[in-house]
Amino acid sequence: MARVPDLIAEFLRGKRFAVAGVSREPMQAANAVYRKLRDSGFEVFPVNPRASEVEGTACYPDLRSIPGTLDGVLVATHPSVSVELVRLQRTWRRPGVVPPLPWSGQCLK
């Protein structure tokens, strides 16, 4: 098995994550990330302002609506939304999801 880079391993030490950009269409990449985290035992919250439910789970319209504290947010949204999400929360952003930024592919603290 491949070694997980240190920044990703540190990020995944958390237990509560939001996945921003999940879709009502289950074949979307954000949904695959959501399912992988959920199925791996993490507490995961889907975020999409246009969906009330995703994959049988209540969906949150924004990060502020999620009760309690999040350990991180995975972003798979349109670039116009991504920058604001990064400002709000410690975030892991998969390279290529939005245009390259100085922190592309790195965990922000």
N, C-alpha and C. Protein backbone atom coordinates (compact mmCIF):
# COMPACT_ATOMS: atom_id res chain seq x y z
N MET A 1 0.83 -1.17 0.00
CA MET A 1 0.00 0.00 0.00
C MET A 1 0.89 1.25 0.00
N ALA A 2 0.48 2.26 -0.74
CA ALA A 2 1.25 3.49 -0.83
C ALA A 2 1.20 4.25 0.49
N ARG A 3 2.29 4.92 0.79
CA ARG A 3 2.38 5.73 2.01
C ARG A 3 1.57 7.01 1.82
N VAL A 4 0.80 7.38 2.82
CA VAL A 4 0.02 8.61 2.78
C VAL A 4 0.94 9.77 3.12
N PRO A 5 0.99 10.81 2.27
CA PRO A 5 1.82 11.98 2.59
C PRO A 5 1.46 12.55 3.96
N ASP A 6 2.47 13.09 4.63
CA ASP A 6 2.31 13.58 6.00
C ASP A 6 1.18 14.60 6.15
N LEU A 7 1.05 15.54 5.22
CA LEU A 7 0.00 16.56 5.33
C LEU A 7 -1.39 15.93 5.27
N ILE A 8 -1.55 14.94 4.43
CA ILE A 8 -2.85 14.27 4.32
C ILE A 8 -3.11 13.44 5.57
N ALA A 9 -2.10 12.74 6.04
CA ALA A 9 -2.26 11.93 7.26
C ALA A 9 -2.64 12.82 8.44
N GLU A 10 -2.00 13.98 8.55
CA GLU A 10 -2.33 14.91 9.63
C GLU A 10 -3.78 15.37 9.51
N PHE A 11 -4.19 15.72 8.32
CA PHE A 11 -5.56 16.16 8.07
C PHE A 11 -6.56 15.07 8.47
N LEU A 12 -6.26 13.83 8.12
CA LEU A 12 -7.19 12.73 8.37
C LEU A 12 -7.17 12.23 9.82
N ARG A 13 -6.37 12.85 10.68
CA ARG A 13 -6.44 12.52 12.11
C ARG A 13 -7.72 13.04 12.73
N GLY A 14 -8.36 13.99 12.01
CA GLY A 14 -9.63 14.51 12.48
C GLY A 14 -10.71 13.44 12.39
N LYS A 15 -11.84 13.72 12.95
CA LYS A 15 -12.96 12.78 12.96
C LYS A 15 -14.22 13.33 12.29
N ARG A 16 -14.33 14.66 12.23
CA ARG A 16 -15.55 15.28 11.69
C ARG A 16 -15.20 16.15 10.50
N PHE A 17 -15.76 15.79 9.34
CA PHE A 17 -15.46 16.50 8.11
C PHE A 17 -16.73 16.89 7.37
N ALA A 18 -16.65 17.96 6.62
CA ALA A 18 -17.70 18.32 5.68
C ALA A 18 -17.13 18.11 4.28
N VAL A 19 -18.00 17.70 3.37
CA VAL A 19 -17.63 17.63 1.96
C VAL A 19 -18.52 18.61 1.22
N ALA A 20 -17.93 19.72 0.80
CA ALA A 20 -18.66 20.76 0.09
C ALA A 20 -18.65 20.46 -1.40
N GLY A 21 -19.85 20.48 -1.98
CA GLY A 21 -19.96 20.21 -3.41
C GLY A 21 -20.57 18.87 -3.73
N VAL A 22 -21.05 18.15 -2.70
CA VAL A 22 -21.73 16.89 -2.99
C VAL A 22 -22.95 17.18 -3.85
N SER A 23 -23.39 16.18 -4.58
CA SER A 23 -24.46 16.35 -5.55
C SER A 23 -25.59 15.37 -5.31
N ARG A 24 -26.75 15.69 -5.84
CA ARG A 24 -27.85 14.73 -5.82
C ARG A 24 -27.58 13.59 -6.80
N GLU A 25 -26.58 13.77 -7.65
CA GLU A 25 -26.16 12.74 -8.61
C GLU A 25 -25.04 11.93 -7.97
N PRO A 26 -25.28 10.67 -7.61
CA PRO A 26 -24.30 9.89 -6.85
C PRO A 26 -22.99 9.59 -7.56
N MET A 27 -22.91 9.76 -8.86
CA MET A 27 -21.68 9.43 -9.59
C MET A 27 -20.67 10.57 -9.62
N GLN A 28 -20.97 11.68 -8.98
CA GLN A 28 -20.04 12.81 -8.96
C GLN A 28 -18.85 12.52 -8.04
N ALA A 29 -17.71 13.12 -8.34
CA ALA A 29 -16.48 12.88 -7.58
C ALA A 29 -16.63 13.24 -6.10
N ALA A 30 -17.29 14.35 -5.81
CA ALA A 30 -17.46 14.74 -4.40
C ALA A 30 -18.25 13.70 -3.63
N ASN A 31 -19.21 13.06 -4.29
CA ASN A 31 -19.99 12.02 -3.63
C ASN A 31 -19.13 10.80 -3.33
N ALA A 32 -18.22 10.48 -4.22
CA ALA A 32 -17.31 9.35 -3.98
C ALA A 32 -16.43 9.62 -2.77
N VAL A 33 -15.95 10.84 -2.63
CA VAL A 33 -15.14 11.23 -1.47
C VAL A 33 -16.00 11.15 -0.21
N TYR A 34 -17.21 11.67 -0.29
CA TYR A 34 -18.13 11.61 0.84
C TYR A 34 -18.34 10.17 1.30
N ARG A 35 -18.65 9.27 0.36
CA ARG A 35 -18.88 7.86 0.70
C ARG A 35 -17.64 7.20 1.29
N LYS A 36 -16.47 7.48 0.72
CA LYS A 36 -15.23 6.88 1.22
C LYS A 36 -14.96 7.27 2.66
N LEU A 37 -15.12 8.55 2.96
CA LEU A 37 -14.92 9.01 4.34
C LEU A 37 -15.96 8.39 5.27
N ARG A 38 -17.22 8.43 4.87
CA ARG A 38 -18.30 7.86 5.69
C ARG A 38 -18.07 6.37 5.95
N ASP A 39 -17.74 5.65 4.89
CA ASP A 39 -17.55 4.21 5.00
C ASP A 39 -16.28 3.84 5.77
N SER A 40 -15.38 4.81 5.92
CA SER A 40 -14.14 4.58 6.68
C SER A 40 -14.29 4.95 8.16
N GLY A 41 -15.50 5.33 8.55
CA GLY A 41 -15.77 5.59 9.96
C GLY A 41 -15.72 7.04 10.39
N PHE A 42 -15.50 7.95 9.47
CA PHE A 42 -15.50 9.38 9.82
C PHE A 42 -16.94 9.87 9.93
N GLU A 43 -17.14 10.91 10.73
CA GLU A 43 -18.43 11.59 10.76
C GLU A 43 -18.37 12.65 9.66
N VAL A 44 -19.22 12.52 8.65
CA VAL A 44 -19.12 13.35 7.45
C VAL A 44 -20.46 14.04 7.18
N PHE A 45 -20.36 15.32 6.83
CA PHE A 45 -21.54 16.13 6.58
C PHE A 45 -21.52 16.62 5.13
N PRO A 46 -22.54 16.26 4.34
CA PRO A 46 -22.61 16.77 2.97
C PRO A 46 -23.07 18.23 2.97
N VAL A 47 -22.47 19.04 2.09
CA VAL A 47 -22.82 20.46 2.00
C VAL A 47 -23.16 20.80 0.56
N ASN A 48 -24.40 21.28 0.36
CA ASN A 48 -24.86 21.75 -0.94
C ASN A 48 -26.10 22.59 -0.68
N PRO A 49 -26.05 23.89 -0.98
CA PRO A 49 -27.20 24.76 -0.68
C PRO A 49 -28.45 24.44 -1.49
N ARG A 50 -28.32 23.63 -2.54
CA ARG A 50 -29.47 23.32 -3.38
C ARG A 50 -30.02 21.91 -3.16
N ALA A 51 -29.55 21.23 -2.12
CA ALA A 51 -30.03 19.88 -1.84
C ALA A 51 -30.41 19.76 -0.37
N SER A 52 -31.54 19.16 -0.09
CA SER A 52 -31.94 18.94 1.30
C SER A 52 -31.45 17.58 1.79
N GLU A 53 -31.18 16.66 0.86
CA GLU A 53 -30.71 15.33 1.21
C GLU A 53 -29.76 14.84 0.12
N VAL A 54 -28.70 14.15 0.54
CA VAL A 54 -27.75 13.54 -0.39
C VAL A 54 -27.46 12.13 0.10
N GLU A 55 -27.67 11.17 -0.74
CA GLU A 55 -27.39 9.77 -0.44
C GLU A 55 -28.02 9.32 0.87
N GLY A 56 -29.27 9.77 1.09
CA GLY A 56 -30.01 9.36 2.28
C GLY A 56 -29.66 10.09 3.55
N THR A 57 -28.84 11.11 3.45
CA THR A 57 -28.41 11.88 4.62
C THR A 57 -28.83 13.34 4.46
N ALA A 58 -29.24 13.97 5.55
CA ALA A 58 -29.58 15.39 5.51
C ALA A 58 -28.37 16.18 5.01
N CYS A 59 -28.62 17.10 4.10
CA CYS A 59 -27.55 17.91 3.51
C CYS A 59 -27.64 19.32 4.10
N TYR A 60 -26.50 19.91 4.36
CA TYR A 60 -26.44 21.24 4.95
C TYR A 60 -26.24 22.29 3.86
N PRO A 61 -26.89 23.45 4.00
CA PRO A 61 -26.76 24.49 2.97
C PRO A 61 -25.42 25.22 3.00
N ASP A 62 -24.76 25.21 4.17
CA ASP A 62 -23.47 25.89 4.30
C ASP A 62 -22.74 25.33 5.53
N LEU A 63 -21.50 25.70 5.69
CA LEU A 63 -20.69 25.19 6.79
C LEU A 63 -21.21 25.64 8.15
N ARG A 64 -21.72 26.85 8.23
CA ARG A 64 -22.20 27.38 9.51
C ARG A 64 -23.41 26.61 10.04
N SER A 65 -24.12 25.91 9.17
CA SER A 65 -25.32 25.17 9.58
C SER A 65 -24.99 23.83 10.24
N ILE A 66 -23.76 23.39 10.12
CA ILE A 66 -23.36 22.09 10.69
C ILE A 66 -23.14 22.26 12.19
N PRO A 67 -23.81 21.45 13.01
CA PRO A 67 -23.63 21.59 14.46
C PRO A 67 -22.25 21.14 14.91
N GLY A 68 -21.73 21.80 15.92
CA GLY A 68 -20.44 21.41 16.47
C GLY A 68 -19.27 21.91 15.66
N THR A 69 -18.11 21.38 15.97
CA THR A 69 -16.86 21.80 15.35
C THR A 69 -16.44 20.79 14.29
N LEU A 70 -15.97 21.28 13.17
CA LEU A 70 -15.43 20.42 12.11
C LEU A 70 -13.92 20.35 12.24
N ASP A 71 -13.37 19.20 11.90
CA ASP A 71 -11.91 19.06 11.85
C ASP A 71 -11.36 19.45 10.48
N GLY A 72 -12.22 19.47 9.47
CA GLY A 72 -11.77 19.85 8.14
C GLY A 72 -12.90 19.85 7.15
N VAL A 73 -12.61 20.43 5.99
CA VAL A 73 -13.57 20.50 4.89
C VAL A 73 -12.86 20.09 3.62
N LEU A 74 -13.47 19.20 2.87
CA LEU A 74 -12.97 18.84 1.55
C LEU A 74 -13.83 19.58 0.54
N VAL A 75 -13.19 20.31 -0.38
CA VAL A 75 -13.90 21.21 -1.29
C VAL A 75 -13.89 20.66 -2.71
N ALA A 76 -15.08 20.52 -3.26
CA ALA A 76 -15.24 20.12 -4.67
C ALA A 76 -16.35 20.98 -5.26
N THR A 77 -16.13 22.28 -5.21
CA THR A 77 -17.14 23.24 -5.65
C THR A 77 -16.62 24.06 -6.82
N HIS A 78 -17.50 24.87 -7.37
CA HIS A 78 -17.12 25.82 -8.40
C HIS A 78 -16.09 26.79 -7.82
N PRO A 79 -15.12 27.22 -8.62
CA PRO A 79 -14.07 28.13 -8.11
C PRO A 79 -14.61 29.36 -7.39
N SER A 80 -15.73 29.89 -7.84
CA SER A 80 -16.26 31.10 -7.19
C SER A 80 -16.68 30.83 -5.75
N VAL A 81 -16.99 29.60 -5.41
CA VAL A 81 -17.39 29.22 -4.06
C VAL A 81 -16.18 28.75 -3.25
N SER A 82 -15.23 28.11 -3.90
CA SER A 82 -14.10 27.48 -3.21
C SER A 82 -13.28 28.44 -2.38
N VAL A 83 -12.98 29.61 -2.89
CA VAL A 83 -12.12 30.55 -2.17
C VAL A 83 -12.75 30.95 -0.85
N GLU A 84 -14.05 31.20 -0.84
CA GLU A 84 -14.72 31.57 0.41
C GLU A 84 -14.71 30.42 1.41
N LEU A 85 -14.90 29.21 0.95
CA LEU A 85 -14.85 28.06 1.83
C LEU A 85 -13.46 27.90 2.46
N VAL A 86 -12.42 28.11 1.68
CA VAL A 86 -11.05 27.99 2.18
C VAL A 86 -10.80 29.03 3.27
N ARG A 87 -11.35 30.19 3.11
CA ARG A 87 -11.18 31.23 4.13
C ARG A 87 -11.87 30.85 5.45
N LEU A 88 -12.93 30.07 5.38
CA LEU A 88 -13.73 29.75 6.56
C LEU A 88 -13.22 28.59 7.38
N GLN A 89 -12.45 27.67 6.78
CA GLN A 89 -12.17 26.42 7.48
C GLN A 89 -10.84 25.83 7.02
N ARG A 90 -10.21 25.07 7.88
CA ARG A 90 -9.04 24.27 7.50
C ARG A 90 -9.49 23.31 6.40
N THR A 91 -8.81 23.32 5.28
CA THR A 91 -9.34 22.68 4.08
C THR A 91 -8.29 21.86 3.35
N TRP A 92 -8.70 20.70 2.83
CA TRP A 92 -7.88 19.95 1.88
C TRP A 92 -8.57 20.07 0.54
N ARG A 93 -7.85 20.56 -0.48
CA ARG A 93 -8.41 20.75 -1.81
C ARG A 93 -7.61 19.92 -2.78
N ARG A 94 -8.30 19.00 -3.46
CA ARG A 94 -7.64 18.15 -4.43
C ARG A 94 -7.16 19.00 -5.60
N PRO A 95 -5.86 18.91 -5.97
CA PRO A 95 -5.37 19.68 -7.13
C PRO A 95 -6.19 19.36 -8.37
N GLY A 96 -6.51 20.40 -9.13
CA GLY A 96 -7.25 20.21 -10.35
C GLY A 96 -8.74 20.46 -10.21
N VAL A 97 -9.24 20.53 -8.97
CA VAL A 97 -10.66 20.79 -8.78
C VAL A 97 -10.98 22.24 -9.11
N VAL A 98 -10.12 23.14 -8.70
CA VAL A 98 -10.26 24.55 -9.04
C VAL A 98 -8.92 25.02 -9.59
N PRO A 99 -8.88 26.19 -10.21
CA PRO A 99 -7.60 26.67 -10.75
C PRO A 99 -6.52 26.68 -9.68
N PRO A 100 -5.26 26.44 -10.06
CA PRO A 100 -4.17 26.39 -9.09
C PRO A 100 -4.08 27.65 -8.25
N LEU A 101 -3.91 27.46 -6.97
CA LEU A 101 -3.73 28.55 -6.03
C LEU A 101 -2.43 28.30 -5.28
N PRO A 102 -1.88 29.28 -4.57
CA PRO A 102 -0.61 29.07 -3.88
C PRO A 102 -0.60 27.88 -2.93
N TRP A 103 -1.76 27.50 -2.39
CA TRP A 103 -1.83 26.39 -1.44
C TRP A 103 -2.34 25.11 -2.08
N SER A 104 -2.36 25.06 -3.40
CA SER A 104 -2.92 23.91 -4.12
C SER A 104 -2.35 22.59 -3.63
N GLY A 105 -3.24 21.67 -3.25
CA GLY A 105 -2.82 20.34 -2.85
C GLY A 105 -2.18 20.27 -1.49
N GLN A 106 -2.34 21.30 -0.70
CA GLN A 106 -1.74 21.29 0.63
C GLN A 106 -2.80 21.51 1.68
N CYS A 107 -2.53 21.08 2.85
CA CYS A 107 -3.42 21.26 3.99
C CYS A 107 -3.16 22.62 4.60
N LEU A 108 -4.19 23.41 4.75
CA LEU A 108 -4.04 24.74 5.35
C LEU A 108 -4.25 24.65 6.85
N LYS A 109 -3.45 25.35 7.58
CA LYS A 109 -3.63 25.39 9.03
C LYS A 109 -4.11 26.74 9.44
